[in-house]
Amino acid sequence: MGPDINADGILDEVDENVAPGIIY
């Protein structure tokens, strides 16, 4: 889930670790 990017204390989709090949 990556680091807590938005510093809300919750690891959710906002903090997703986006690897090469992930489709958007």
mmCIF file of all heavy atoms, coordinates in Angstrom:
data_MODEL
# 
_entry.id   MODEL 
# 
loop_
_atom_site.group_PDB 
_atom_site.id 
_atom_site.type_symbol 
_atom_site.label_atom_id 
_atom_site.label_alt_id 
_atom_site.label_comp_id 
_atom_site.label_asym_id 
_atom_site.label_entity_id 
_atom_site.label_seq_id 
_atom_site.pdbx_PDB_ins_code 
_atom_site.Cartn_x 
_atom_site.Cartn_y 
_atom_site.Cartn_z 
_atom_site.occupancy 
_atom_site.B_iso_or_equiv 
_atom_site.pdbx_formal_charge 
_atom_site.auth_seq_id 
_atom_site.auth_comp_id 
_atom_site.auth_asym_id 
_atom_site.auth_atom_id 
_atom_site.pdbx_PDB_model_num 
ATOM 1   N N   . MET A 1 1  ? 0.805   -1.207 0.000   1.00 0.00 ? 1  MET A N   1 
ATOM 2   C CA  . MET A 1 1  ? 0.000   0.000  0.000   1.00 0.00 ? 1  MET A CA  1 
ATOM 3   C C   . MET A 1 1  ? 0.847   1.268  0.000   1.00 0.00 ? 1  MET A C   1 
ATOM 4   O O   . MET A 1 1  ? 0.328   2.365  -0.007  1.00 0.00 ? 1  MET A O   1 
ATOM 5   C CB  . MET A 1 1  ? -0.935  0.017  1.209   1.00 0.00 ? 1  MET A CB  1 
ATOM 6   C CG  . MET A 1 1  ? -2.001  -1.064 1.181   1.00 0.00 ? 1  MET A CG  1 
ATOM 7   S SD  . MET A 1 1  ? -2.965  -1.071 -0.363  1.00 0.00 ? 1  MET A SD  1 
ATOM 8   C CE  . MET A 1 1  ? -3.768  0.518  -0.251  1.00 0.00 ? 1  MET A CE  1 
ATOM 9   N N   . GLY A 1 2  ? 2.174   1.114  0.018   1.00 0.00 ? 2  GLY A N   1 
ATOM 10  C CA  . GLY A 1 2  ? 3.036   2.279  -0.037  1.00 0.00 ? 2  GLY A CA  1 
ATOM 11  C C   . GLY A 1 2  ? 3.062   3.041  1.274   1.00 0.00 ? 2  GLY A C   1 
ATOM 12  O O   . GLY A 1 2  ? 2.548   2.583  2.298   1.00 0.00 ? 2  GLY A O   1 
ATOM 13  N N   . PRO A 1 3  ? 3.655   4.245  1.268   1.00 0.00 ? 3  PRO A N   1 
ATOM 14  C CA  . PRO A 1 3  ? 3.688   5.081  2.471   1.00 0.00 ? 3  PRO A CA  1 
ATOM 15  C C   . PRO A 1 3  ? 2.343   5.765  2.689   1.00 0.00 ? 3  PRO A C   1 
ATOM 16  O O   . PRO A 1 3  ? 1.497   5.781  1.796   1.00 0.00 ? 3  PRO A O   1 
ATOM 17  C CB  . PRO A 1 3  ? 4.771   6.110  2.142   1.00 0.00 ? 3  PRO A CB  1 
ATOM 18  C CG  . PRO A 1 3  ? 4.697   6.226  0.641   1.00 0.00 ? 3  PRO A CG  1 
ATOM 19  C CD  . PRO A 1 3  ? 4.349   4.851  0.134   1.00 0.00 ? 3  PRO A CD  1 
ATOM 20  N N   . ASP A 1 4  ? 2.154   6.302  3.874   1.00 0.00 ? 4  ASP A N   1 
ATOM 21  C CA  . ASP A 1 4  ? 0.924   7.043  4.180   1.00 0.00 ? 4  ASP A CA  1 
ATOM 22  C C   . ASP A 1 4  ? 1.055   8.438  3.577   1.00 0.00 ? 4  ASP A C   1 
ATOM 23  O O   . ASP A 1 4  ? 1.373   9.411  4.254   1.00 0.00 ? 4  ASP A O   1 
ATOM 24  C CB  . ASP A 1 4  ? 0.722   7.115  5.700   1.00 0.00 ? 4  ASP A CB  1 
ATOM 25  C CG  . ASP A 1 4  ? -0.622  7.740  6.070   1.00 0.00 ? 4  ASP A CG  1 
ATOM 26  O OD1 . ASP A 1 4  ? -1.442  7.954  5.155   1.00 0.00 ? 4  ASP A OD1 1 
ATOM 27  O OD2 . ASP A 1 4  ? -0.826  8.047  7.251   1.00 0.00 ? 4  ASP A OD2 1 
ATOM 28  N N   . ILE A 1 5  ? 0.777   8.533  2.274   1.00 0.00 ? 5  ILE A N   1 
ATOM 29  C CA  . ILE A 1 5  ? 1.050   9.750  1.515   1.00 0.00 ? 5  ILE A CA  1 
ATOM 30  C C   . ILE A 1 5  ? 0.257   10.944 2.036   1.00 0.00 ? 5  ILE A C   1 
ATOM 31  O O   . ILE A 1 5  ? 0.777   12.045 2.158   1.00 0.00 ? 5  ILE A O   1 
ATOM 32  C CB  . ILE A 1 5  ? 0.743   9.524  0.022   1.00 0.00 ? 5  ILE A CB  1 
ATOM 33  C CG1 . ILE A 1 5  ? 1.691   8.457  -0.539  1.00 0.00 ? 5  ILE A CG1 1 
ATOM 34  C CG2 . ILE A 1 5  ? 0.885   10.816 -0.770  1.00 0.00 ? 5  ILE A CG2 1 
ATOM 35  C CD1 . ILE A 1 5  ? 1.310   7.949  -1.892  1.00 0.00 ? 5  ILE A CD1 1 
ATOM 36  N N   . ASN A 1 6  ? -1.028  10.723 2.339   1.00 0.00 ? 6  ASN A N   1 
ATOM 37  C CA  . ASN A 1 6  ? -1.853  11.845 2.785   1.00 0.00 ? 6  ASN A CA  1 
ATOM 38  C C   . ASN A 1 6  ? -1.843  12.032 4.301   1.00 0.00 ? 6  ASN A C   1 
ATOM 39  O O   . ASN A 1 6  ? -2.588  12.856 4.838   1.00 0.00 ? 6  ASN A O   1 
ATOM 40  C CB  . ASN A 1 6  ? -3.297  11.688 2.292   1.00 0.00 ? 6  ASN A CB  1 
ATOM 41  C CG  . ASN A 1 6  ? -3.931  10.397 2.780   1.00 0.00 ? 6  ASN A CG  1 
ATOM 42  O OD1 . ASN A 1 6  ? -3.267  9.548  3.391   1.00 0.00 ? 6  ASN A OD1 1 
ATOM 43  N ND2 . ASN A 1 6  ? -5.223  10.244 2.521   1.00 0.00 ? 6  ASN A ND2 1 
ATOM 44  N N   . ALA A 1 7  ? -1.010  11.266 5.004   1.00 0.00 ? 7  ALA A N   1 
ATOM 45  C CA  . ALA A 1 7  ? -0.804  11.430 6.452   1.00 0.00 ? 7  ALA A CA  1 
ATOM 46  C C   . ALA A 1 7  ? -2.113  11.412 7.247   1.00 0.00 ? 7  ALA A C   1 
ATOM 47  O O   . ALA A 1 7  ? -2.286  12.148 8.213   1.00 0.00 ? 7  ALA A O   1 
ATOM 48  C CB  . ALA A 1 7  ? -0.050  12.730 6.727   1.00 0.00 ? 7  ALA A CB  1 
ATOM 49  N N   . ASP A 1 8  ? -3.034  10.513 6.849   1.00 0.00 ? 8  ASP A N   1 
ATOM 50  C CA  . ASP A 1 8  ? -4.297  10.416 7.587   1.00 0.00 ? 8  ASP A CA  1 
ATOM 51  C C   . ASP A 1 8  ? -4.297  9.243  8.566   1.00 0.00 ? 8  ASP A C   1 
ATOM 52  O O   . ASP A 1 8  ? -5.311  8.962  9.212   1.00 0.00 ? 8  ASP A O   1 
ATOM 53  C CB  . ASP A 1 8  ? -5.475  10.282 6.622   1.00 0.00 ? 8  ASP A CB  1 
ATOM 54  C CG  . ASP A 1 8  ? -5.397  9.013  5.767   1.00 0.00 ? 8  ASP A CG  1 
ATOM 55  O OD1 . ASP A 1 8  ? -4.366  8.298  5.841   1.00 0.00 ? 8  ASP A OD1 1 
ATOM 56  O OD2 . ASP A 1 8  ? -6.358  8.742  5.025   1.00 0.00 ? 8  ASP A OD2 1 
ATOM 57  N N   . GLY A 1 9  ? -3.176  8.546  8.686   1.00 0.00 ? 9  GLY A N   1 
ATOM 58  C CA  . GLY A 1 9  ? -3.074  7.421  9.615   1.00 0.00 ? 9  GLY A CA  1 
ATOM 59  C C   . GLY A 1 9  ? -3.680  6.137  9.091   1.00 0.00 ? 9  GLY A C   1 
ATOM 60  O O   . GLY A 1 9  ? -3.718  5.127  9.799   1.00 0.00 ? 9  GLY A O   1 
ATOM 61  N N   . ILE A 1 10 ? -4.153  6.156  7.831   1.00 0.00 ? 10 ILE A N   1 
ATOM 62  C CA  . ILE A 1 10 ? -4.799  4.984  7.244   1.00 0.00 ? 10 ILE A CA  1 
ATOM 63  C C   . ILE A 1 10 ? -4.136  4.663  5.909   1.00 0.00 ? 10 ILE A C   1 
ATOM 64  O O   . ILE A 1 10 ? -3.963  5.543  5.068   1.00 0.00 ? 10 ILE A O   1 
ATOM 65  C CB  . ILE A 1 10 ? -6.309  5.219  7.019   1.00 0.00 ? 10 ILE A CB  1 
ATOM 66  C CG1 . ILE A 1 10 ? -6.991  5.592  8.338   1.00 0.00 ? 10 ILE A CG1 1 
ATOM 67  C CG2 . ILE A 1 10 ? -6.967  4.001  6.399   1.00 0.00 ? 10 ILE A CG2 1 
ATOM 68  C CD1 . ILE A 1 10 ? -8.426  6.027  8.164   1.00 0.00 ? 10 ILE A CD1 1 
ATOM 69  N N   . LEU A 1 11 ? -3.769  3.413  5.704   1.00 0.00 ? 11 LEU A N   1 
ATOM 70  C CA  . LEU A 1 11 ? -3.247  2.984  4.416   1.00 0.00 ? 11 LEU A CA  1 
ATOM 71  C C   . LEU A 1 11 ? -4.407  2.481  3.567   1.00 0.00 ? 11 LEU A C   1 
ATOM 72  O O   . LEU A 1 11 ? -5.001  1.445  3.835   1.00 0.00 ? 11 LEU A O   1 
ATOM 73  C CB  . LEU A 1 11 ? -2.198  1.876  4.601   1.00 0.00 ? 11 LEU A CB  1 
ATOM 74  C CG  . LEU A 1 11 ? -0.875  2.307  5.244   1.00 0.00 ? 11 LEU A CG  1 
ATOM 75  C CD1 . LEU A 1 11 ? 0.033   1.100  5.426   1.00 0.00 ? 11 LEU A CD1 1 
ATOM 76  C CD2 . LEU A 1 11 ? -0.181  3.366  4.410   1.00 0.00 ? 11 LEU A CD2 1 
ATOM 77  N N   . ASP A 1 12 ? -4.771  3.252  2.559   1.00 0.00 ? 12 ASP A N   1 
ATOM 78  C CA  . ASP A 1 12 ? -5.891  2.886  1.694   1.00 0.00 ? 12 ASP A CA  1 
ATOM 79  C C   . ASP A 1 12 ? -5.461  3.060  0.239   1.00 0.00 ? 12 ASP A C   1 
ATOM 80  O O   . ASP A 1 12 ? -4.277  3.182  -0.065  1.00 0.00 ? 12 ASP A O   1 
ATOM 81  C CB  . ASP A 1 12 ? -7.131  3.718  2.028   1.00 0.00 ? 12 ASP A CB  1 
ATOM 82  C CG  . ASP A 1 12 ? -6.819  5.217  2.094   1.00 0.00 ? 12 ASP A CG  1 
ATOM 83  O OD1 . ASP A 1 12 ? -5.828  5.639  1.455   1.00 0.00 ? 12 ASP A OD1 1 
ATOM 84  O OD2 . ASP A 1 12 ? -7.549  5.947  2.777   1.00 0.00 ? 12 ASP A OD2 1 
ATOM 85  N N   . GLU A 1 13 ? -6.443  3.084  -0.684  1.00 0.00 ? 13 GLU A N   1 
ATOM 86  C CA  . GLU A 1 13 ? -6.108  3.139  -2.103  1.00 0.00 ? 13 GLU A CA  1 
ATOM 87  C C   . GLU A 1 13 ? -5.376  4.429  -2.491  1.00 0.00 ? 13 GLU A C   1 
ATOM 88  O O   . GLU A 1 13 ? -4.671  4.474  -3.497  1.00 0.00 ? 13 GLU A O   1 
ATOM 89  C CB  . GLU A 1 13 ? -7.364  2.978  -2.955  1.00 0.00 ? 13 GLU A CB  1 
ATOM 90  C CG  . GLU A 1 13 ? -8.390  4.086  -2.775  1.00 0.00 ? 13 GLU A CG  1 
ATOM 91  C CD  . GLU A 1 13 ? -9.603  3.889  -3.657  1.00 0.00 ? 13 GLU A CD  1 
ATOM 92  O OE1 . GLU A 1 13 ? -9.698  2.845  -4.317  1.00 0.00 ? 13 GLU A OE1 1 
ATOM 93  O OE2 . GLU A 1 13 ? -10.454 4.788  -3.665  1.00 0.00 ? 13 GLU A OE2 1 
ATOM 94  N N   . VAL A 1 14 ? -5.557  5.477  -1.693  1.00 0.00 ? 14 VAL A N   1 
ATOM 95  C CA  . VAL A 1 14 ? -4.835  6.719  -1.947  1.00 0.00 ? 14 VAL A CA  1 
ATOM 96  C C   . VAL A 1 14 ? -3.330  6.502  -1.797  1.00 0.00 ? 14 VAL A C   1 
ATOM 97  O O   . VAL A 1 14 ? -2.517  7.143  -2.466  1.00 0.00 ? 14 VAL A O   1 
ATOM 98  C CB  . VAL A 1 14 ? -5.324  7.830  -0.995  1.00 0.00 ? 14 VAL A CB  1 
ATOM 99  C CG1 . VAL A 1 14 ? -4.507  9.102  -1.170  1.00 0.00 ? 14 VAL A CG1 1 
ATOM 100 C CG2 . VAL A 1 14 ? -6.795  8.118  -1.229  1.00 0.00 ? 14 VAL A CG2 1 
ATOM 101 N N   . ASP A 1 15 ? -2.950  5.575  -0.895  1.00 0.00 ? 15 ASP A N   1 
ATOM 102 C CA  . ASP A 1 15 ? -1.544  5.304  -0.609  1.00 0.00 ? 15 ASP A CA  1 
ATOM 103 C C   . ASP A 1 15 ? -1.016  4.083  -1.381  1.00 0.00 ? 15 ASP A C   1 
ATOM 104 O O   . ASP A 1 15 ? 0.005   3.520  -1.028  1.00 0.00 ? 15 ASP A O   1 
ATOM 105 C CB  . ASP A 1 15 ? -1.364  5.066  0.897   1.00 0.00 ? 15 ASP A CB  1 
ATOM 106 C CG  . ASP A 1 15 ? -2.005  6.159  1.734   1.00 0.00 ? 15 ASP A CG  1 
ATOM 107 O OD1 . ASP A 1 15 ? -1.659  7.325  1.513   1.00 0.00 ? 15 ASP A OD1 1 
ATOM 108 O OD2 . ASP A 1 15 ? -2.848  5.850  2.590   1.00 0.00 ? 15 ASP A OD2 1 
ATOM 109 N N   . GLU A 1 16 ? -1.714  3.705  -2.433  1.00 0.00 ? 16 GLU A N   1 
ATOM 110 C CA  . GLU A 1 16 ? -1.361  2.504  -3.187  1.00 0.00 ? 16 GLU A CA  1 
ATOM 111 C C   . GLU A 1 16 ? 0.032   2.624  -3.811  1.00 0.00 ? 16 GLU A C   1 
ATOM 112 O O   . GLU A 1 16 ? 0.413   3.666  -4.358  1.00 0.00 ? 16 GLU A O   1 
ATOM 113 C CB  . GLU A 1 16 ? -2.396  2.279  -4.295  1.00 0.00 ? 16 GLU A CB  1 
ATOM 114 C CG  . GLU A 1 16 ? -2.135  1.050  -5.142  1.00 0.00 ? 16 GLU A CG  1 
ATOM 115 C CD  . GLU A 1 16 ? -3.154  0.900  -6.256  1.00 0.00 ? 16 GLU A CD  1 
ATOM 116 O OE1 . GLU A 1 16 ? -4.063  1.755  -6.347  1.00 0.00 ? 16 GLU A OE1 1 
ATOM 117 O OE2 . GLU A 1 16 ? -3.042  -0.056 -7.028  1.00 0.00 ? 16 GLU A OE2 1 
ATOM 118 N N   . ASN A 1 17 ? 0.800   1.544  -3.710  1.00 0.00 ? 17 ASN A N   1 
ATOM 119 C CA  . ASN A 1 17 ? 2.123   1.472  -4.314  1.00 0.00 ? 17 ASN A CA  1 
ATOM 120 C C   . ASN A 1 17 ? 1.942   1.115  -5.795  1.00 0.00 ? 17 ASN A C   1 
ATOM 121 O O   . ASN A 1 17 ? 1.613   -0.015 -6.135  1.00 0.00 ? 17 ASN A O   1 
ATOM 122 C CB  . ASN A 1 17 ? 2.963   0.413  -3.591  1.00 0.00 ? 17 ASN A CB  1 
ATOM 123 C CG  . ASN A 1 17 ? 4.441   0.576  -3.853  1.00 0.00 ? 17 ASN A CG  1 
ATOM 124 O OD1 . ASN A 1 17 ? 4.854   1.385  -4.664  1.00 0.00 ? 17 ASN A OD1 1 
ATOM 125 N ND2 . ASN A 1 17 ? 5.250   -0.208 -3.158  1.00 0.00 ? 17 ASN A ND2 1 
ATOM 126 N N   . VAL A 1 18 ? 2.138   2.087  -6.676  1.00 0.00 ? 18 VAL A N   1 
ATOM 127 C CA  . VAL A 1 18 ? 1.840   1.910  -8.098  1.00 0.00 ? 18 VAL A CA  1 
ATOM 128 C C   . VAL A 1 18 ? 3.082   1.409  -8.830  1.00 0.00 ? 18 VAL A C   1 
ATOM 129 O O   . VAL A 1 18 ? 4.051   2.146  -9.014  1.00 0.00 ? 18 VAL A O   1 
ATOM 130 C CB  . VAL A 1 18 ? 1.356   3.230  -8.725  1.00 0.00 ? 18 VAL A CB  1 
ATOM 131 C CG1 . VAL A 1 18 ? 1.037   3.022  -10.197 1.00 0.00 ? 18 VAL A CG1 1 
ATOM 132 C CG2 . VAL A 1 18 ? 0.128   3.740  -7.984  1.00 0.00 ? 18 VAL A CG2 1 
ATOM 133 N N   . ALA A 1 19 ? 3.056   0.155  -9.255  1.00 0.00 ? 19 ALA A N   1 
ATOM 134 C CA  . ALA A 1 19 ? 4.200   -0.464 -9.937  1.00 0.00 ? 19 ALA A CA  1 
ATOM 135 C C   . ALA A 1 19 ? 4.099   -0.260 -11.447 1.00 0.00 ? 19 ALA A C   1 
ATOM 136 O O   . ALA A 1 19 ? 3.025   0.012  -11.985 1.00 0.00 ? 19 ALA A O   1 
ATOM 137 C CB  . ALA A 1 19 ? 4.237   -1.956 -9.614  1.00 0.00 ? 19 ALA A CB  1 
ATOM 138 N N   . PRO A 1 20 ? 5.222   -0.407 -12.162 1.00 0.00 ? 20 PRO A N   1 
ATOM 139 C CA  . PRO A 1 20 ? 5.161   -0.382 -13.628 1.00 0.00 ? 20 PRO A CA  1 
ATOM 140 C C   . PRO A 1 20 ? 4.182   -1.438 -14.142 1.00 0.00 ? 20 PRO A C   1 
ATOM 141 O O   . PRO A 1 20 ? 4.141   -2.560 -13.628 1.00 0.00 ? 20 PRO A O   1 
ATOM 142 C CB  . PRO A 1 20 ? 6.606   -0.713 -14.042 1.00 0.00 ? 20 PRO A CB  1 
ATOM 143 C CG  . PRO A 1 20 ? 7.442   -0.277 -12.886 1.00 0.00 ? 20 PRO A CG  1 
ATOM 144 C CD  . PRO A 1 20 ? 6.606   -0.563 -11.672 1.00 0.00 ? 20 PRO A CD  1 
ATOM 145 N N   . GLY A 1 21 ? 3.402   -1.076 -15.148 1.00 0.00 ? 21 GLY A N   1 
ATOM 146 C CA  . GLY A 1 21 ? 2.436   -2.011 -15.722 1.00 0.00 ? 21 GLY A CA  1 
ATOM 147 C C   . GLY A 1 21 ? 1.036   -1.882 -15.158 1.00 0.00 ? 21 GLY A C   1 
ATOM 148 O O   . GLY A 1 21 ? 0.093   -2.450 -15.718 1.00 0.00 ? 21 GLY A O   1 
ATOM 149 N N   . ILE A 1 22 ? 0.874   -1.135 -14.056 1.00 0.00 ? 22 ILE A N   1 
ATOM 150 C CA  . ILE A 1 22 ? -0.471  -0.922 -13.501 1.00 0.00 ? 22 ILE A CA  1 
ATOM 151 C C   . ILE A 1 22 ? -1.295  -0.098 -14.484 1.00 0.00 ? 22 ILE A C   1 
ATOM 152 O O   . ILE A 1 22 ? -0.845  0.936  -14.979 1.00 0.00 ? 22 ILE A O   1 
ATOM 153 C CB  . ILE A 1 22 ? -0.401  -0.206 -12.133 1.00 0.00 ? 22 ILE A CB  1 
ATOM 154 C CG1 . ILE A 1 22 ? 0.262   -1.108 -11.091 1.00 0.00 ? 22 ILE A CG1 1 
ATOM 155 C CG2 . ILE A 1 22 ? -1.786  0.236  -11.678 1.00 0.00 ? 22 ILE A CG2 1 
ATOM 156 C CD1 . ILE A 1 22 ? -0.559  -2.324 -10.725 1.00 0.00 ? 22 ILE A CD1 1 
ATOM 157 N N   . ILE A 1 23 ? -2.505  -0.558 -14.766 1.00 0.00 ? 23 ILE A N   1 
ATOM 158 C CA  . ILE A 1 23 ? -3.366  0.099  -15.743 1.00 0.00 ? 23 ILE A CA  1 
ATOM 159 C C   . ILE A 1 23 ? -4.237  1.147  -15.056 1.00 0.00 ? 23 ILE A C   1 
ATOM 160 O O   . ILE A 1 23 ? -4.765  0.927  -13.965 1.00 0.00 ? 23 ILE A O   1 
ATOM 161 C CB  . ILE A 1 23 ? -4.264  -0.919 -16.470 1.00 0.00 ? 23 ILE A CB  1 
ATOM 162 C CG1 . ILE A 1 23 ? -3.395  -2.013 -17.124 1.00 0.00 ? 23 ILE A CG1 1 
ATOM 163 C CG2 . ILE A 1 23 ? -5.126  -0.229 -17.511 1.00 0.00 ? 23 ILE A CG2 1 
ATOM 164 C CD1 . ILE A 1 23 ? -2.426  -1.488 -18.146 1.00 0.00 ? 23 ILE A CD1 1 
ATOM 165 N N   . TYR A 1 24 ? -4.384  2.299  -15.722 1.00 0.00 ? 24 TYR A N   1 
ATOM 166 C CA  . TYR A 1 24 ? -5.230  3.376  -15.193 1.00 0.00 ? 24 TYR A CA  1 
ATOM 167 C C   . TYR A 1 24 ? -6.191  3.828  -16.281 1.00 0.00 ? 24 TYR A C   1 
ATOM 168 O O   . TYR A 1 24 ? -5.782  4.104  -17.410 1.00 0.00 ? 24 TYR A O   1 
ATOM 169 C CB  . TYR A 1 24 ? -4.361  4.550  -14.730 1.00 0.00 ? 24 TYR A CB  1 
ATOM 170 C CG  . TYR A 1 24 ? -5.150  5.780  -14.359 1.00 0.00 ? 24 TYR A CG  1 
ATOM 171 C CD1 . TYR A 1 24 ? -6.066  5.760  -13.312 1.00 0.00 ? 24 TYR A CD1 1 
ATOM 172 C CD2 . TYR A 1 24 ? -4.976  6.976  -15.059 1.00 0.00 ? 24 TYR A CD2 1 
ATOM 173 C CE1 . TYR A 1 24 ? -6.795  6.889  -12.970 1.00 0.00 ? 24 TYR A CE1 1 
ATOM 174 C CE2 . TYR A 1 24 ? -5.701  8.099  -14.724 1.00 0.00 ? 24 TYR A CE2 1 
ATOM 175 C CZ  . TYR A 1 24 ? -6.600  8.063  -13.677 1.00 0.00 ? 24 TYR A CZ  1 
ATOM 176 O OH  . TYR A 1 24 ? -7.335  9.182  -13.342 1.00 0.00 ? 24 TYR A OH  1 
# 
